[in-house]
Amino acid sequence: MGNTTSIRVRYQETDQMGVVYHGNYFTWFDIGRTEFFRNMGMVYTRLEEEGILLPVIEAQCRYIKPAKYDDEIIINTKLVKLKGVRLEFEYSIYRKEDNELLAEGRTVHAFVDKDLKPINFRKKYREIWDRLGENI
């Protein structure tokens, strides 16, 4: 299971050659992850209001083909692991026009409180944990 989001590459995300700057892929992963939660009916800000933070503790991206200015891209986001105080997402970025795979990546997050201390999310928020588990 997963979530699909589409965006259009903006001029500000590119370099002088019209190619997307590599760091923007991580922003797109964030967009995909936010939409993943929204699609589950869980707005990220609501999680934060509940005292739940999900900092990135690992991030990786493999660049395959360049995205360019004005490309419409598809961000596929999948939750692939939910264990202990961690959850892991995988991402695939495609150019919509030709369905060309542009990049793949992953992020690992920790469940922490506002003091950045790990929390037993499964115990404290069992209903949300179970909903996340259904989306793997």
C-alpha atoms as a PDB file:
ATOM      1  CA  MET A   1       0.000   0.000   0.000  1.00  0.00           C
ATOM      2  CA  GLY A   2       1.152   3.571  -0.400  1.00  0.00           C
ATOM      3  CA  ASN A   3       0.281   7.051  -1.499  1.00  0.00           C
ATOM      4  CA  THR A   4       0.821   8.938  -4.748  1.00  0.00           C
ATOM      5  CA  THR A   5       1.225  12.710  -4.983  1.00  0.00           C
ATOM      6  CA  SER A   6       2.031  14.832  -8.005  1.00  0.00           C
ATOM      7  CA  ILE A   7       3.787  18.186  -8.168  1.00  0.00           C
ATOM      8  CA  ARG A   8       5.325  20.333 -10.893  1.00  0.00           C
ATOM      9  CA  VAL A   9       9.009  21.260 -10.730  1.00  0.00           C
ATOM     10  CA  ARG A  10       9.306  24.972 -10.025  1.00  0.00           C
ATOM     11  CA  TYR A  11      12.004  27.192 -11.463  1.00  0.00           C
ATOM     12  CA  GLN A  12      13.422  27.886  -7.987  1.00  0.00           C
ATOM     13  CA  GLU A  13      14.131  24.150  -7.538  1.00  0.00           C
ATOM     14  CA  THR A  14      16.523  24.059 -10.489  1.00  0.00           C
ATOM     15  CA  ASP A  15      20.052  25.150 -11.232  1.00  0.00           C
ATOM     16  CA  GLN A  16      21.188  27.247 -14.198  1.00  0.00           C
ATOM     17  CA  MET A  17      20.854  24.214 -16.506  1.00  0.00           C
ATOM     18  CA  GLY A  18      17.206  23.721 -15.526  1.00  0.00           C
ATOM     19  CA  VAL A  19      18.061  20.521 -13.613  1.00  0.00           C
ATOM     20  CA  VAL A  20      16.620  19.979 -10.135  1.00  0.00           C
ATOM     21  CA  TYR A  21      19.082  20.561  -7.317  1.00  0.00           C
ATOM     22  CA  HIS A  22      19.706  17.255  -5.497  1.00  0.00           C
ATOM     23  CA  GLY A  23      18.558  18.475  -2.065  1.00  0.00           C
ATOM     24  CA  ASN A  24      15.042  19.145  -3.357  1.00  0.00           C
ATOM     25  CA  TYR A  25      14.359  15.421  -3.613  1.00  0.00           C
ATOM     26  CA  PHE A  26      14.342  15.271   0.186  1.00  0.00           C
ATOM     27  CA  THR A  27      11.770  18.071   0.242  1.00  0.00           C
ATOM     28  CA  TRP A  28       9.677  16.002  -2.165  1.00  0.00           C
ATOM     29  CA  PHE A  29      10.018  12.981   0.133  1.00  0.00           C
ATOM     30  CA  ASP A  30       8.639  15.189   2.909  1.00  0.00           C
ATOM     31  CA  ILE A  31       5.718  16.214   0.694  1.00  0.00           C
ATOM     32  CA  GLY A  32       5.014  12.552  -0.079  1.00  0.00           C
ATOM     33  CA  ARG A  33       5.162  11.580   3.594  1.00  0.00           C
ATOM     34  CA  THR A  34       2.881  14.439   4.635  1.00  0.00           C
ATOM     35  CA  GLU A  35       0.347  13.417   1.989  1.00  0.00           C
ATOM     36  CA  PHE A  36       0.671   9.773   3.088  1.00  0.00           C
ATOM     37  CA  PHE A  37      -0.464  10.780   6.590  1.00  0.00           C
ATOM     38  CA  ARG A  38      -3.161  13.103   5.231  1.00  0.00           C
ATOM     39  CA  ASN A  39      -4.519  10.255   3.079  1.00  0.00           C
ATOM     40  CA  MET A  40      -4.825   8.204   6.279  1.00  0.00           C
ATOM     41  CA  GLY A  41      -6.792  11.039   7.881  1.00  0.00           C
ATOM     42  CA  MET A  42      -3.853  12.007  10.078  1.00  0.00           C
ATOM     43  CA  VAL A  43      -2.680  15.563   9.544  1.00  0.00           C
ATOM     44  CA  TYR A  44       0.972  15.978  10.553  1.00  0.00           C
ATOM     45  CA  THR A  45       0.204  19.090  12.609  1.00  0.00           C
ATOM     46  CA  ARG A  46      -2.353  17.125  14.628  1.00  0.00           C
ATOM     47  CA  LEU A  47       0.311  14.561  15.504  1.00  0.00           C
ATOM     48  CA  GLU A  48       2.534  17.397  16.683  1.00  0.00           C
ATOM     49  CA  GLU A  49      -0.328  18.826  18.758  1.00  0.00           C
ATOM     50  CA  GLU A  50      -0.571  15.403  20.424  1.00  0.00           C
ATOM     51  CA  GLY A  51       3.123  15.730  21.324  1.00  0.00           C
ATOM     52  CA  ILE A  52       4.321  13.300  18.642  1.00  0.00           C
ATOM     53  CA  LEU A  53       7.353  14.264  16.590  1.00  0.00           C
ATOM     54  CA  LEU A  54       8.909  12.172  13.828  1.00  0.00           C
ATOM     55  CA  PRO A  55      12.442  13.456  13.204  1.00  0.00           C
ATOM     56  CA  VAL A  56      14.401  11.989  10.321  1.00  0.00           C
ATOM     57  CA  ILE A  57      17.238   9.864  11.714  1.00  0.00           C
ATOM     58  CA  GLU A  58      18.412   8.410   8.372  1.00  0.00           C
ATOM     59  CA  ALA A  59      17.919   9.577   4.792  1.00  0.00           C
ATOM     60  CA  GLN A  60      19.087   8.211   1.464  1.00  0.00           C
ATOM     61  CA  CYS A  61      18.477   9.037  -2.185  1.00  0.00           C
ATOM     62  CA  ARG A  62      19.651   7.337  -5.369  1.00  0.00           C
ATOM     63  CA  TYR A  63      19.502   9.656  -8.370  1.00  0.00           C
ATOM     64  CA  ILE A  64      18.765   7.880 -11.633  1.00  0.00           C
ATOM     65  CA  LYS A  65      17.693  10.526 -14.186  1.00  0.00           C
ATOM     66  CA  PRO A  66      17.436  14.294 -13.762  1.00  0.00           C
ATOM     67  CA  ALA A  67      14.145  16.039 -13.168  1.00  0.00           C
ATOM     68  CA  LYS A  68      13.949  19.367 -14.987  1.00  0.00           C
ATOM     69  CA  TYR A  69      12.087  22.615 -14.788  1.00  0.00           C
ATOM     70  CA  ASP A  70       8.341  22.272 -15.438  1.00  0.00           C
ATOM     71  CA  ASP A  71       8.349  18.447 -15.327  1.00  0.00           C
ATOM     72  CA  GLU A  72       5.289  17.071 -13.600  1.00  0.00           C
ATOM     73  CA  ILE A  73       6.533  14.453 -11.188  1.00  0.00           C
ATOM     74  CA  ILE A  74       4.837  11.691  -9.244  1.00  0.00           C
ATOM     75  CA  ILE A  75       5.972  10.926  -5.690  1.00  0.00           C
ATOM     76  CA  ASN A  76       5.143   7.379  -4.589  1.00  0.00           C
ATOM     77  CA  THR A  77       5.436   6.973  -0.822  1.00  0.00           C
ATOM     78  CA  LYS A  78       5.232   3.659   1.032  1.00  0.00           C
ATOM     79  CA  LEU A  79       5.525   2.843   4.694  1.00  0.00           C
ATOM     80  CA  VAL A  80       7.713  -0.264   4.690  1.00  0.00           C
ATOM     81  CA  LYS A  81       8.661  -0.783   8.336  1.00  0.00           C
ATOM     82  CA  LEU A  82       7.071  -0.066  11.701  1.00  0.00           C
ATOM     83  CA  LYS A  83       8.975  -1.459  14.659  1.00  0.00           C
ATOM     84  CA  GLY A  84       9.718  -0.258  18.158  1.00  0.00           C
ATOM     85  CA  VAL A  85      10.288   3.489  18.118  1.00  0.00           C
ATOM     86  CA  ARG A  86      11.004   3.640  14.372  1.00  0.00           C
ATOM     87  CA  LEU A  87       9.195   3.776  11.085  1.00  0.00           C
ATOM     88  CA  GLU A  88      10.670   3.666   7.589  1.00  0.00           C
ATOM     89  CA  PHE A  89       9.369   5.056   4.303  1.00  0.00           C
ATOM     90  CA  GLU A  90      10.459   4.355   0.741  1.00  0.00           C
ATOM     91  CA  TYR A  91       9.955   6.789  -2.113  1.00  0.00           C
ATOM     92  CA  SER A  92       9.990   6.576  -5.898  1.00  0.00           C
ATOM     93  CA  ILE A  93       9.987   9.712  -8.020  1.00  0.00           C
ATOM     94  CA  TYR A  94       8.703   9.414 -11.612  1.00  0.00           C
ATOM     95  CA  ARG A  95       8.305  11.888 -14.438  1.00  0.00           C
ATOM     96  CA  LYS A  96       4.603  11.770 -15.282  1.00  0.00           C
ATOM     97  CA  GLU A  97       5.007  12.396 -19.026  1.00  0.00           C
ATOM     98  CA  ASP A  98       6.938   9.191 -19.746  1.00  0.00           C
ATOM     99  CA  ASN A  99       6.743   7.325 -16.405  1.00  0.00           C
ATOM    100  CA  GLU A 100      10.552   7.451 -16.221  1.00  0.00           C
ATOM    101  CA  LEU A 101      11.994   6.586 -12.795  1.00  0.00           C
ATOM    102  CA  LEU A 102      14.052   9.592 -11.686  1.00  0.00           C
ATOM    103  CA  ALA A 103      15.030   8.758  -8.105  1.00  0.00           C
ATOM    104  CA  GLU A 104      14.474   6.338  -5.254  1.00  0.00           C
ATOM    105  CA  GLY A 105      14.972   6.997  -1.595  1.00  0.00           C
ATOM    106  CA  ARG A 106      14.158   6.161   1.971  1.00  0.00           C
ATOM    107  CA  THR A 107      13.855   7.884   5.302  1.00  0.00           C
ATOM    108  CA  VAL A 108      13.832   6.436   8.800  1.00  0.00           C
ATOM    109  CA  HIS A 109      12.081   8.302  11.609  1.00  0.00           C
ATOM    110  CA  ALA A 110      11.870   7.957  15.374  1.00  0.00           C
ATOM    111  CA  PHE A 111       8.766   8.461  17.498  1.00  0.00           C
ATOM    112  CA  VAL A 112       9.774  11.079  20.066  1.00  0.00           C
ATOM    113  CA  ASP A 113       8.101  13.518  22.424  1.00  0.00           C
ATOM    114  CA  LYS A 114       8.640  17.279  22.478  1.00  0.00           C
ATOM    115  CA  ASP A 115      11.805  16.759  24.538  1.00  0.00           C
ATOM    116  CA  LEU A 116      13.091  14.508  21.719  1.00  0.00           C
ATOM    117  CA  LYS A 117      12.951  11.451  23.957  1.00  0.00           C
ATOM    118  CA  PRO A 118      11.800   8.173  22.346  1.00  0.00           C
ATOM    119  CA  ILE A 119       8.238   7.195  23.165  1.00  0.00           C
ATOM    120  CA  ASN A 120       6.507   3.838  23.140  1.00  0.00           C
ATOM    121  CA  PHE A 121       4.155   4.891  20.379  1.00  0.00           C
ATOM    122  CA  ARG A 122       2.548   1.474  20.085  1.00  0.00           C
ATOM    123  CA  LYS A 123       1.502   1.520  23.744  1.00  0.00           C
ATOM    124  CA  LYS A 124       0.536   5.189  23.984  1.00  0.00           C
ATOM    125  CA  TYR A 125      -1.245   5.539  20.619  1.00  0.00           C
ATOM    126  CA  ARG A 126      -2.382   1.997  19.839  1.00  0.00           C
ATOM    127  CA  GLU A 127      -5.163   3.029  17.429  1.00  0.00           C
ATOM    128  CA  ILE A 128      -2.793   5.117  15.277  1.00  0.00           C
ATOM    129  CA  TRP A 129      -0.131   2.377  15.453  1.00  0.00           C
ATOM    130  CA  ASP A 130      -2.636  -0.157  14.162  1.00  0.00           C
ATOM    131  CA  ARG A 131      -3.735   2.156  11.338  1.00  0.00           C
ATOM    132  CA  LEU A 132      -0.105   2.646  10.339  1.00  0.00           C
ATOM    133  CA  GLY A 133       0.440  -1.122  10.426  1.00  0.00           C
ATOM    134  CA  GLU A 134      -2.486  -1.605   8.041  1.00  0.00           C
ATOM    135  CA  ASN A 135      -0.671   0.611   5.520  1.00  0.00           C
ATOM    136  CA  ILE A 136       2.488  -1.458   5.257  1.00  0.00           C
END
